[in-house]
């Protein structure tokens, strides 16, 4: 097994071992988690680079990076080694009482790679936790309890994060326990007029005296790789300055090289007040962070021995070691530049794909792309047919009608274009069916 294989399949998918494991999962896992069918999914056993191996020995090409996490490649050996080395010395510490040296090293490194001026950090475990910390920080910094967000926004599904989630299917079952104070704006697509969008936002924000922050994804991920018009983020920055609002960028999906820059906001040199990061931060180890400018983060009072906001695994030593090793790999392999370069070639292939019937739009940047179909049924069919061809694909979009393309940034060009060749063949059948 190496990290430059293509596709290798054996017999009928899913295989026999997956069939043996499925009943146990169905019996003991909450039924609200994994959708089990006769043709989907398969059980993963191992992964390396852009390849995933299932329990039946089949080798797939992963065009998802497992939700955009494996930017430095699945099971990156440097990251795995860092976790193992740390584990034999110290697996867990008391992160907000007795710190570790590796925690300080990570905090310093994050300040080094973050956009200029963002230098103070709350370490967390998940993206939703980072968003919760960001919302709390904004409340303390402004004294105002509510925020503005965007339709299509995905910031996590814990109750606080769900309040600013712009996807109704996630909110609806829990509306009775949400504050429902968030002011939602339509997220502008690439052809939207920036001036009119900002003018409408200004009017609505001025009418609300309780809004202290605006939270936004520089490119929306779960909504289907929605790229805003050029100039929108700088104009939003200016609007927040004008109205004295805290600007929060959710870079959980777009961070760590995915869009061709270490962070997507660097595309137009826009610096937020608060930035949430996670997913690809440690190549698979659960760690995230809420980062902010010192004048914003210092709205938190100094700890007197018991932190006002914390968690058991804050600054977990293995997570810190994994993140440091992973950031080192991103820098060593120059992955933001690589995503930008390979993304140019991928863009040409995506443009050609966009000319097919039943495809509404193809959009993206770097190695973050979305293929929008007219209906969710087509997207679902492509994901399932892709598995039969050895492709790991992900369905997204507000209505589930988008196919997300977010491969590991280490994927070889041979692997990527072989996968796109397979995908094009699937699309020619699916979109005309």
Protein backbone atom coordinates (compact mmCIF):
# COMPACT_ATOMS: atom_id res chain seq x y z
CA UNK A 1 0.00 0.00 0.00
CA UNK A 2 1.42 3.40 -1.02
CA UNK A 3 0.11 6.94 -1.32
CA UNK A 4 -0.11 7.13 -5.13
CA UNK A 5 -2.53 4.39 -6.12
CA UNK A 6 -5.50 4.87 -8.40
CA UNK A 7 -8.57 2.65 -8.01
CA UNK A 8 -8.59 -1.08 -7.33
CA UNK A 9 -11.92 -2.85 -6.77
CA UNK A 10 -12.69 -6.50 -6.04
CA UNK A 11 -16.12 -7.87 -6.82
CA UNK A 12 -19.46 -6.44 -5.79
CA UNK A 13 -19.66 -3.28 -3.69
CA UNK A 14 -20.31 -3.07 -0.81
CA UNK A 15 -18.30 -6.19 -0.03
CA UNK A 16 -19.03 -9.08 2.29
CA UNK A 17 -17.30 -7.65 5.36
CA UNK A 18 -19.24 -4.40 5.09
CA UNK A 19 -22.39 -6.51 4.94
CA UNK A 20 -21.37 -8.28 8.14
CA UNK A 21 -20.67 -5.03 10.01
CA UNK A 22 -23.78 -3.09 8.99
CA UNK A 23 -26.29 -4.90 11.26
CA UNK A 24 -24.19 -4.17 14.36
CA UNK A 25 -24.02 -0.49 13.49
CA UNK A 26 -27.76 -0.38 12.88
CA UNK A 27 -28.47 -2.07 16.21
CA UNK A 28 -26.23 -0.01 18.48
CA UNK A 29 -25.79 3.43 16.88
CA UNK A 30 -28.42 6.17 17.05
CA UNK A 31 -30.54 5.85 13.92
CA UNK A 32 -30.04 9.56 13.26
CA UNK A 33 -26.38 9.16 12.28
CA UNK A 34 -25.48 6.73 9.46
CA UNK A 35 -27.77 6.02 6.51
CA UNK A 36 -27.36 2.34 5.69
CA UNK A 37 -28.48 0.97 2.33
CA UNK A 38 -27.83 -2.08 0.23
CA UNK A 39 -25.44 -0.18 -2.08
CA UNK A 40 -24.00 2.47 0.25
CA UNK A 41 -21.85 3.08 2.32
CA UNK A 42 -18.69 1.01 2.72
CA UNK A 43 -16.76 0.62 5.98
CA UNK A 44 -13.34 2.25 5.91
CA UNK A 45 -10.36 0.35 7.29
CA UNK A 46 -7.34 2.52 6.42
CA UNK A 47 -6.30 5.46 4.30
CA UNK A 48 -3.10 7.06 3.05
CA UNK A 49 -2.63 10.11 0.87
CA UNK A 50 -5.66 10.36 -1.40
CA UNK A 51 -6.48 6.65 -1.14
CA UNK A 52 -9.06 5.03 1.12
CA UNK A 53 -9.16 1.25 1.70
CA UNK A 54 -12.32 -0.46 2.90
CA UNK A 55 -12.68 -3.57 5.05
CA UNK A 56 -12.98 -5.70 1.91
CA UNK A 57 -9.64 -4.55 0.49
CA UNK A 58 -11.00 -2.15 -2.14
CA UNK A 59 -8.95 0.96 -2.92
CA UNK A 60 -10.77 4.25 -3.62
CA UNK A 61 -9.77 7.76 -4.62
CA UNK A 62 -11.04 10.29 -2.10
CA UNK A 63 -12.38 13.55 -3.55
CA UNK A 64 -13.65 14.73 -0.16
CA UNK A 65 -10.56 14.68 2.09
CA UNK A 66 -13.06 13.27 4.61
CA UNK A 67 -15.07 16.51 4.98
CA UNK A 68 -12.08 18.67 4.05
CA UNK A 69 -9.93 17.39 6.92
CA UNK A 70 -7.06 15.46 5.29
CA UNK A 71 -5.40 18.40 3.52
CA UNK A 72 -1.91 16.95 4.06
CA UNK A 73 -3.13 13.51 2.98
CA UNK A 74 -4.76 10.75 4.97
CA UNK A 75 -2.57 9.35 7.75
CA UNK A 76 0.24 11.78 7.02
CA UNK A 77 3.28 9.99 8.48
CA UNK A 78 4.75 13.10 10.10
CA UNK A 79 1.49 13.90 11.85
CA UNK A 80 0.96 10.26 12.89
CA UNK A 81 4.50 10.13 14.27
CA UNK A 82 3.99 13.37 16.21
CA UNK A 83 0.84 11.97 17.83
CA UNK A 84 2.57 8.68 18.70
CA UNK A 85 5.63 10.42 20.15
CA UNK A 86 3.46 12.68 22.26
CA UNK A 87 1.20 9.83 23.37
CA UNK A 88 4.04 7.85 24.97
CA UNK A 89 5.05 10.94 27.00
CA UNK A 90 1.77 12.69 27.84
CA UNK A 91 -1.64 11.95 26.35
CA UNK A 92 -3.67 14.42 28.39
CA UNK A 93 -3.07 17.40 30.64
CA UNK A 94 -5.12 19.94 32.59
CA UNK A 95 -5.25 22.43 29.75
CA UNK A 96 -6.59 25.46 31.62
CA UNK A 97 -4.77 24.78 34.91
CA UNK A 98 -1.41 23.09 34.29
CA UNK A 99 -0.34 23.90 30.69
CA UNK A 100 2.22 22.16 28.49
CA UNK A 101 5.11 23.40 26.41
CA UNK A 102 3.57 22.00 23.23
CA UNK A 103 0.49 24.15 23.85
CA UNK A 104 2.62 27.28 23.96
CA UNK A 105 4.41 26.19 20.80
CA UNK A 106 1.12 25.76 18.97
CA UNK A 107 -0.29 29.09 20.14
CA UNK A 108 2.86 30.83 18.94
CA UNK A 109 2.71 29.05 15.57
CA UNK A 110 -0.95 29.92 15.05
CA UNK A 111 -0.19 33.60 15.69
CA UNK A 112 2.61 33.35 13.12
CA UNK A 113 0.46 31.96 10.31
CA UNK A 114 -2.78 33.85 11.01
CA UNK A 115 -3.67 37.07 9.18
CA UNK A 116 -1.79 40.05 10.59
CA UNK A 117 -3.07 41.21 13.96
CA UNK A 118 -4.81 37.98 14.96
CA UNK A 119 -2.66 36.58 17.72
CA UNK A 120 -4.68 35.36 20.71
CA UNK A 121 -6.36 31.97 20.78
CA UNK A 122 -8.89 29.79 22.56
CA UNK A 123 -8.12 26.17 21.76
CA UNK A 124 -11.12 23.88 21.29
CA UNK A 125 -11.90 20.39 20.03
CA UNK A 126 -14.49 20.88 17.27
CA UNK A 127 -15.59 23.51 14.79
CA UNK A 128 -18.86 24.09 16.63
CA UNK A 129 -16.90 24.74 19.84
CA UNK A 130 -14.76 27.31 18.04
CA UNK A 131 -17.88 29.08 16.78
CA UNK A 132 -19.42 29.06 20.26
CA UNK A 133 -16.24 30.63 21.65
CA UNK A 134 -16.31 33.24 18.88
CA UNK A 135 -19.93 34.19 19.59
CA UNK A 136 -19.24 34.47 23.32
CA UNK A 137 -16.17 36.59 22.63
CA UNK A 138 -18.19 38.94 20.43
CA UNK A 139 -20.85 39.30 23.12
CA UNK A 140 -18.23 40.25 25.70
CA UNK A 141 -16.48 42.63 23.31
CA UNK A 142 -19.63 44.47 22.22
CA UNK A 143 -22.12 44.00 25.03
CA UNK A 144 -24.69 42.97 22.43
CA UNK A 145 -26.34 39.53 22.46
CA UNK A 146 -27.23 38.91 18.81
CA UNK A 147 -25.38 38.35 15.55
CA UNK A 148 -25.98 38.57 11.82
CA UNK A 149 -25.35 35.55 9.60
CA UNK A 150 -26.17 34.26 6.13
CA UNK A 151 -28.52 31.79 4.51
CA UNK A 152 -26.65 28.62 3.67
CA UNK A 153 -24.28 29.16 6.57
CA UNK A 154 -22.99 26.06 8.35
CA UNK A 155 -21.22 26.82 11.62
CA UNK A 156 -21.86 23.59 13.52
CA UNK A 157 -24.90 22.01 15.12
CA UNK A 158 -24.55 22.62 18.86
CA UNK A 159 -27.29 24.91 20.17
CA UNK A 160 -25.23 28.12 20.18
CA UNK A 161 -23.80 27.47 16.73
CA UNK A 162 -27.19 26.36 15.44
CA UNK A 163 -28.55 29.82 16.25
CA UNK A 164 -26.42 31.25 13.42
CA UNK A 165 -26.87 28.26 11.08
CA UNK A 166 -28.54 29.31 7.84
CA UNK A 167 -29.76 25.88 6.74
CA UNK A 168 -33.34 25.43 7.85
CA UNK A 169 -33.45 21.62 7.93
CA UNK A 170 -30.94 21.66 10.78
CA UNK A 171 -32.74 24.44 12.67
CA UNK A 172 -36.38 23.45 12.31
CA UNK A 173 -36.58 20.57 14.86
CA UNK A 174 -34.97 22.80 17.52
CA UNK A 175 -36.55 26.19 16.88
CA UNK A 176 -38.38 26.11 20.21
CA UNK A 177 -35.10 26.20 22.17
CA UNK A 178 -33.19 28.67 19.97
CA UNK A 179 -33.08 32.39 20.80
CA UNK A 180 -34.01 33.12 17.16
CA UNK A 181 -32.41 36.56 17.37
CA UNK A 182 -30.04 36.12 14.43
CA UNK A 183 -30.48 38.50 11.51
CA UNK A 184 -30.04 36.47 8.33
CA UNK A 185 -28.95 37.87 4.97
CA UNK A 186 -28.87 36.09 1.64
CA UNK A 187 -25.31 34.98 0.91
CA UNK A 188 -24.30 36.68 -2.35
CA UNK A 189 -23.30 34.54 -5.31
CA UNK A 190 -20.49 35.46 -7.66
CA UNK A 191 -22.67 37.66 -9.88
CA UNK A 192 -24.36 39.65 -7.10
CA UNK A 193 -23.85 43.42 -6.97
CA UNK A 194 -21.66 44.18 -3.96
CA UNK A 195 -22.85 47.76 -3.49
CA UNK A 196 -26.53 46.82 -3.37
CA UNK A 197 -25.87 43.88 -1.06
CA UNK A 198 -23.94 46.05 1.38
CA UNK A 199 -26.53 48.84 1.18
CA UNK A 200 -29.32 46.43 2.11
CA UNK A 201 -27.24 45.03 4.95
CA UNK A 202 -26.48 48.50 6.28
CA UNK A 203 -30.17 49.41 6.42
CA UNK A 204 -31.16 46.19 8.19
CA UNK A 205 -28.29 46.32 10.67
CA UNK A 206 -28.99 49.92 11.61
CA UNK A 207 -32.57 48.95 12.39
CA UNK A 208 -31.37 46.46 15.01
CA UNK A 209 -29.68 47.76 18.12
CA UNK A 210 -28.82 44.33 19.51
CA UNK A 211 -26.48 43.09 16.75
CA UNK A 212 -22.85 42.99 17.83
CA UNK A 213 -21.24 40.73 15.24
CA UNK A 214 -21.42 39.38 11.71
CA UNK A 215 -20.32 35.79 11.13
CA UNK A 216 -19.55 34.63 7.59
CA UNK A 217 -17.74 31.91 5.64
CA UNK A 218 -15.34 33.45 3.08
CA UNK A 219 -16.56 30.66 0.78
CA UNK A 220 -19.58 28.71 1.94
CA UNK A 221 -18.78 25.02 2.29
CA UNK A 222 -21.80 22.96 3.32
CA UNK A 223 -24.04 25.12 1.11
CA UNK A 224 -22.08 23.88 -1.91
CA UNK A 225 -18.86 25.89 -2.43
CA UNK A 226 -20.61 29.25 -2.86
CA UNK A 227 -18.01 31.84 -3.88
CA UNK A 228 -19.00 35.46 -3.13
CA UNK A 229 -18.43 38.27 -5.64
CA UNK A 230 -15.04 39.94 -5.68
CA UNK A 231 -15.04 42.88 -3.33
CA UNK A 232 -17.72 41.53 -1.01
CA UNK A 233 -15.47 40.61 1.90
CA UNK A 234 -13.55 43.94 1.84
CA UNK A 235 -16.88 45.80 1.69
CA UNK A 236 -18.21 43.73 4.58
CA UNK A 237 -15.07 44.56 6.56
CA UNK A 238 -15.66 48.26 5.89
CA UNK A 239 -19.32 47.98 6.89
CA UNK A 240 -18.45 46.31 10.19
CA UNK A 241 -15.90 49.04 10.90
CA UNK A 242 -18.50 51.69 10.10
CA UNK A 243 -21.14 50.19 12.38
CA UNK A 244 -18.65 49.04 15.03
CA UNK A 245 -19.50 45.38 14.60
CA UNK A 246 -17.18 42.44 15.23
CA UNK A 247 -16.43 40.55 12.01
CA UNK A 248 -16.09 36.78 12.45
CA UNK A 249 -14.71 34.62 9.64
CA UNK A 250 -15.53 30.92 9.82
CA UNK A 251 -12.48 29.39 8.12
CA UNK A 252 -13.13 25.92 9.50
CA UNK A 253 -13.63 24.46 6.01
CA UNK A 254 -11.60 26.95 3.95
CA UNK A 255 -8.51 27.15 6.15
CA UNK A 256 -5.09 25.55 5.91
CA UNK A 257 -4.54 25.83 2.18
CA UNK A 258 -7.83 24.55 0.80
CA UNK A 259 -8.59 27.54 -1.46
CA UNK A 260 -5.02 28.30 -2.54
CA UNK A 261 -4.10 30.42 0.47
CA UNK A 262 -3.39 29.45 4.06
CA UNK A 263 -6.73 31.11 4.83
CA UNK A 264 -9.36 32.07 2.25
CA UNK A 265 -9.60 35.66 3.53
CA UNK A 266 -6.08 36.24 2.22
CA UNK A 267 -7.40 36.15 -1.35
CA UNK A 268 -8.51 39.75 -0.93
CA UNK A 269 -6.29 40.60 2.06
CA UNK A 270 -9.21 40.98 4.46
CA UNK A 271 -8.51 40.55 8.17
CA UNK A 272 -11.43 39.67 10.48
CA UNK A 273 -11.64 40.47 14.17
CA UNK A 274 -12.21 36.81 15.04
CA UNK A 275 -11.37 33.70 13.01
CA UNK A 276 -12.60 30.15 13.62
CA UNK A 277 -10.41 27.29 12.40
CA UNK A 278 -10.56 23.50 12.63
CA UNK A 279 -11.08 20.52 10.27
CA UNK A 280 -7.67 20.42 8.51
CA UNK A 281 -5.84 21.89 11.51
CA UNK A 282 -4.39 18.53 12.58
CA UNK A 283 -5.14 16.20 9.64
CA UNK A 284 -7.72 14.22 11.58
CA UNK A 285 -7.01 14.71 15.27
CA UNK A 286 -9.95 16.62 16.85
CA UNK A 287 -8.67 20.12 17.55
CA UNK A 288 -9.92 23.57 16.59
CA UNK A 289 -9.45 27.17 17.64
CA UNK A 290 -11.08 30.55 17.98
CA UNK A 291 -8.50 33.23 17.22
CA UNK A 292 -8.89 36.98 17.58
CA UNK A 293 -7.19 40.33 17.67
CA UNK A 294 -5.87 41.01 21.21
CA UNK A 295 -8.21 43.96 21.76
CA UNK A 296 -11.16 41.66 21.03
CA UNK A 297 -10.00 38.55 22.88
CA UNK A 298 -9.06 40.62 25.91
CA UNK A 299 -12.76 41.24 26.50
CA UNK A 300 -12.44 38.05 28.54
CA UNK A 301 -11.42 38.87 32.11
CA UNK A 302 -8.15 37.30 33.29
CA UNK A 303 -8.70 33.89 34.81
CA UNK A 304 -8.65 33.82 38.58
CA UNK A 305 -8.21 30.06 38.70
CA UNK A 306 -11.38 28.84 37.05
CA UNK A 307 -11.86 29.69 33.37
CA UNK A 308 -15.22 31.16 32.39
CA UNK A 309 -15.13 29.21 29.12
CA UNK A 310 -13.18 25.98 28.82
CA UNK A 311 -13.37 22.26 28.12
CA UNK A 312 -11.75 19.13 29.47
CA UNK A 313 -9.63 18.62 26.35
CA UNK A 314 -8.56 22.26 25.84
CA UNK A 315 -5.00 22.19 24.54
CA UNK A 316 -4.79 18.40 24.51
CA UNK A 317 -1.06 17.59 24.10
CA UNK A 318 -1.60 15.09 21.28
CA UNK A 319 -3.82 17.56 19.45
CA UNK A 320 -1.25 20.33 19.82
CA UNK A 321 1.54 18.05 18.60
CA UNK A 322 -0.56 16.90 15.66
CA UNK A 323 -1.43 20.47 14.68
CA UNK A 324 2.19 21.60 14.86
CA UNK A 325 3.32 18.69 12.69
CA UNK A 326 0.47 19.24 10.26
CA UNK A 327 1.15 22.97 9.86
CA UNK A 328 4.78 22.07 9.33
CA UNK A 329 3.76 19.73 6.52
CA UNK A 330 1.54 22.38 4.94
CA UNK A 331 4.49 24.76 4.91
CA UNK A 332 7.09 22.18 3.85
CA UNK A 333 4.98 20.95 0.93
CA UNK A 334 3.80 24.49 0.10
CA UNK A 335 0.26 23.19 -0.08
CA UNK A 336 -1.56 26.54 -0.43
CA UNK A 337 0.48 27.31 -3.54
CA UNK A 338 0.01 23.75 -4.77
CA UNK A 339 -3.76 23.98 -4.34
CA UNK A 340 -3.72 27.26 -6.23
CA UNK A 341 -1.65 25.81 -9.09
CA UNK A 342 -3.49 22.51 -9.44
CA UNK A 343 -6.75 24.38 -8.97
CA UNK A 344 -6.13 26.27 -12.21
CA UNK A 345 -6.00 23.01 -14.15
CA UNK A 346 -8.99 21.66 -12.28
CA UNK A 347 -10.92 24.85 -13.07
CA UNK A 348 -10.57 24.14 -16.80
CA UNK A 349 -11.94 20.63 -16.32
CA UNK A 350 -14.77 21.98 -14.16
CA UNK A 351 -15.72 24.53 -16.82
CA UNK A 352 -16.06 21.72 -19.37
CA UNK A 353 -18.19 19.72 -16.95
CA UNK A 354 -20.43 22.74 -16.44
CA UNK A 355 -21.58 22.62 -20.06
CA UNK A 356 -23.49 19.37 -19.54
CA UNK A 357 -27.30 19.24 -19.30
CA UNK A 358 -28.92 19.36 -15.87
CA UNK A 359 -25.91 21.14 -14.35
CA UNK A 360 -26.84 24.58 -13.07
CA UNK A 361 -23.40 25.88 -12.13
CA UNK A 362 -19.84 24.81 -11.41
CA UNK A 363 -17.90 27.04 -9.02
CA UNK A 364 -14.92 27.03 -6.73
CA UNK A 365 -11.40 28.13 -5.97
CA UNK A 366 -8.18 26.22 -5.39
CA UNK A 367 -9.17 22.66 -4.48
CA UNK A 368 -12.66 23.52 -3.25
CA UNK A 369 -15.34 23.06 -5.91
CA UNK A 370 -19.03 22.42 -6.19
CA UNK A 371 -21.07 21.02 -9.08
CA UNK A 372 -24.69 22.13 -8.71
CA UNK A 373 -27.39 19.99 -10.30
CA UNK A 374 -31.02 20.89 -10.86
CA UNK A 375 -32.11 18.37 -8.25
CA UNK A 376 -30.83 16.40 -5.27
CA UNK A 377 -31.75 13.09 -6.88
CA UNK A 378 -29.03 13.52 -9.49
CA UNK A 379 -26.39 14.44 -6.91
CA UNK A 380 -27.30 11.42 -4.81
CA UNK A 381 -27.15 9.15 -7.85
CA UNK A 382 -23.68 10.44 -8.79
CA UNK A 383 -22.34 9.90 -5.25
CA UNK A 384 -23.60 6.31 -5.18
CA UNK A 385 -22.53 5.53 -8.74
CA UNK A 386 -19.16 7.06 -7.97
CA UNK A 387 -18.61 4.59 -5.15
CA UNK A 388 -19.12 1.76 -7.63
CA UNK A 389 -16.33 3.27 -9.76
CA UNK A 390 -14.01 3.72 -6.78
CA UNK A 391 -14.64 7.39 -5.99
CA UNK A 392 -15.43 8.79 -2.54
CA UNK A 393 -17.76 11.72 -3.23
CA UNK A 394 -19.85 14.01 -1.02
CA UNK A 395 -23.30 15.45 -1.54
CA UNK A 396 -23.91 19.00 -0.24
CA UNK A 397 -25.93 22.12 -0.99
CA UNK A 398 -29.01 23.67 0.58
CA UNK A 399 -31.25 21.09 -1.12
CA UNK A 400 -28.62 18.38 -1.38
CA UNK A 401 -28.19 19.13 -5.08
CA UNK A 402 -24.47 19.90 -5.09
CA UNK A 403 -21.50 17.57 -5.52
CA UNK A 404 -18.52 18.77 -3.47
CA UNK A 405 -14.99 18.28 -4.80
CA UNK A 406 -12.44 18.80 -2.01
CA UNK A 407 -9.61 16.26 -2.41
CA UNK A 408 -6.52 16.10 -0.19
CA UNK A 409 -4.13 18.87 -1.22
CA UNK A 410 -1.44 16.21 -1.65
CA UNK A 411 -3.38 14.32 -4.31
CA UNK A 412 -1.16 13.72 -7.33
CA UNK A 413 -2.19 15.18 -10.66
CA UNK A 414 -2.38 11.63 -12.04
CA UNK A 415 -4.81 10.65 -9.29
CA UNK A 416 -6.86 13.83 -9.59
CA UNK A 417 -7.33 13.68 -13.34
CA UNK A 418 -8.03 9.97 -13.28
CA UNK A 419 -10.76 10.70 -10.74
CA UNK A 420 -12.14 13.54 -12.87
CA UNK A 421 -12.13 11.25 -15.92
CA UNK A 422 -14.23 8.75 -13.97
CA UNK A 423 -16.49 11.53 -12.73
CA UNK A 424 -17.06 12.89 -16.21
CA UNK A 425 -18.13 9.44 -17.35
CA UNK A 426 -20.61 9.23 -14.49
CA UNK A 427 -21.99 12.69 -15.22
CA UNK A 428 -22.60 11.94 -18.89
CA UNK A 429 -24.92 9.15 -17.79
CA UNK A 430 -26.47 10.78 -14.73
CA UNK A 431 -27.30 14.21 -16.10
CA UNK A 432 -29.01 12.85 -19.19
CA UNK A 433 -30.97 10.13 -17.37
